[in-house]
Amino acid sequence: MGDTLEFNEIYQEVKGSWNDGRLRFSKQNVVYKSSKTGKVDSIPASELNLAQWRRVCLGHGIKLGTSSGHVYKYDGFRDTDFEKISEFFKTNYKLELAEKDMCVKGWNWGTAKFSGPLLSFDVNDNTAFEVPLSNVSQCATGKNEVTLEFHQNDDTEVSLMEVRFYVPPSQSDERQDPVEAFAQSVLSKADVIQATGDAVCIFKELQCLTPRGRYDIRIYPTFLHLHGKTFDYKIPYTTVLRLFLLPHKDQRQMFFVISLDPPIKQGQTRYHFLILLFSKEEDISLTLNMSEEDVERRFEGKLSKNMSGSLYEMVSRVMKALVNRKITVPGNFQGHSGAQCITCSYKASSGLLYPLERGFIYVHKPPVHLRFEEISCVNFARGTTTTRSFDFEIETKQGNQYTFSSIEREEYGKLFDFVNAKKLNIKNRGFKEKKGMKGNIDEYSDSDEDQHDAYLERMKAEGKIREEGNDSDESDAESDESFNPGEEDDDIAEEYDSNASASDSSEDGDDSEDDSAKKKKAKKPKPVKEKKERKPRKEKKKKQKDTGGPKRPMSAYMLWLNSSRERIKSENPGISITEISKKAGEMWRQLGKDEKEEWDTKAGEAKRDYDKAKKEYKESGGGSASVSKKESKKSGGKKDEKKRKSAGADKDKERSGNDSFKSREFIETSESSSDSDHKSKSKRKKESDDDEEEEAMTTPASSEEESD
């Protein structure tokens, strides 16, 4: 058998909830570490005086007792573990692991025994259940009964609120009331906070960030009392998990963070962290409300009766001595600006992220503390809004994800080196292994960010893959467009040579290059034609030439929208213009047929009024000057276009070196130039007439007048 025994998934009951962890038996001590809080219980082997093996709900459990009166219970063992644990205890602890049966009869009449911090209810000398007296928050007495109330745990689905014990009157000893004796035995070990006696010291008007406000902090021997204008909090020192002293980025302030489990409550709000903010320039002279002998005996030189210094130093020093826990400060991490923290945002609130030696802590809203041992992996993600920042994502083993965003890009090298030095699993490393490249963790150990940037290399590699994918897509698209057997084969035979097969097989000949250039130039007039035709249409969209005419009537939908716009705004405060349009469209589609007919009638009336006004306007001679100007511009444009076409045809004749061969495209262009000009004239005239119809929104009768 080895020097140690280790067991995973061992459970410890804490105020009604089961917290898993790891248990290790060694020759020197018994150590249990909670997976949830990271709290470590260490029991020296020399103090063990009780060891029991019991059948419990989660398999089998061990109950350990110490000479100082403490009791520890751990569950989750298998039946086969009994032999090796029993042998280990005999060999190293000189202690026998006794098997103890529990009473499962379900009787509610028995004997109450107080053994250390436990109240044991026995039936026929077998324990039915045990109540840890440290979980008792209040004890009340009646005529013949005692009521125990318990501290509540937010992590439990079902909580035990109270237990009542009926205590029969005693006939043997009439001088002592058995109910009062029972209650005193409970209160002697119960966790009932009573502000009796004087405070060790008082700190006035300290600024507290969570819970927010200014509080007077009164330090008592067993608990901490926060007294504010609205709320009071009493925090037992047993609920304090950790203490942090963190410098602010401005180097003028200090954060003092107290981690609590269970948290303090304010209604439905739970505060797992108490955060105090101090100024470095604020000093204080402190005198403890104790004699020098008591201070020396209790604190063993950690504190003195009279002390002076910075306020944050005095508070942290007193808390460290009373809670008896170490104060965690930032390690050797140093950011780009020289500070020991990184400015970032978490859940839309800006704060500071401190990389510690054994975890990360974020202050202040909401505070987050993540230990390295509960982190599954981290990820450096690209910023969502700008490339000047990046996101730092942390995923825990429980599946929770924390994203710290808007971190300056200059902090990336320092943070990456820190994470790499702590040997945390980085998600970004998996890219090269997936692509079959050689990736070794050792190569990330260099801190020279100018020569090696893992995140930048990964982004470049992903960009190359996307570019290759886009290039392949574009090449496929080009090949699909160019492959048209019905048209392109004829063009190739006409353009290149009478011998089409020879031109197809020759890939690098000079003739093919010249012919391809001719082909491109021959196709140029087509887009030019479209552009030339569109120019006058763009100019005609300007309605400056005919401002005296009547305005076009509104459609039924627009009439309804104008009447309903204010109602939509009042029903949806803060809605944008685009959202109003979307909302109005949905409401219009939901209108009934009868309601739409009303607006169609109004639109029809507006249309008839417009037609009548337009007819009168035309009869009075309105708009004739603008029409004549438009026609003159059209004729000028046609002449210029004709000149350009004839010049392009002459150039094609000069460039065709072979008089005996003329391409079909050239022949059609030269022979049918007059026909095409005539057709293009009629086509443009028709389009211009259509444009004017769209511009004026006239009736068919008025458009005939205009064309005449």
Foldseek 3Di string as FASTA:
>chain_A
DDQKDKDFQKWFDDQHDTFTWMWMDGLFWIWTATPPQRDIDTGGLQFWDDWEWEQDPQAIKIWTAGPVQDIGIIDNDHPVVVVVVQVSCCVRNVDGHYYAYADDPPDPDADWDDRRQWTFGDDPNHTHDIDRLQQFADWDFDDFKIKTAGDDDPVDPDHDGIDMDGHDADDPDPVDGVRVVVRVSSVVNYNYDDPDDAFQWKDAQFAWVVVGDTWIWTHHLFWIWTHDPPDIDIGGLVQWDAWEWEADPVNFKIKIKTAGVPFTDDPPDGARIIITMFGQVAKDKIATPDDQVVCCVQQVPLDGRIDIHGPVVVVVSVSCSSSVHDYFYADDQAFPVRGQWWWWDWPNHIWTWHDHPFWIWTDDVPIDTDGLVQWQEKEWAQAPPDNQWIWIWTAGPVGDITITTDTGPRRVLRVQLVCLVSVGHYPLQCPQVVVVHDGDSVVSNDSPCVVDDSVVVSVVVVVVVVVVVVVVVVVVVVVVVQDDVVPNQLVQCQQQHVPSVVLVVDDPDPSVVVSVVVVVLLPVVVVVVVVLLCVVLVVVVDPPPFPPADDAFDALLVVVCVVCVVVVCVVPPPDDPVVSVVVSVVVVVVDDPVVSVVSRVVRVVRRVVNQVRRVVCVVVPGPPVVVVVSVVVLVVSLVVVLVVLVVSLVVSVVPPPDPVGDGPSSVCCVVCVVVVSVVVSVVSVVVVLVSVCVVSVYDPVVSVVVVD
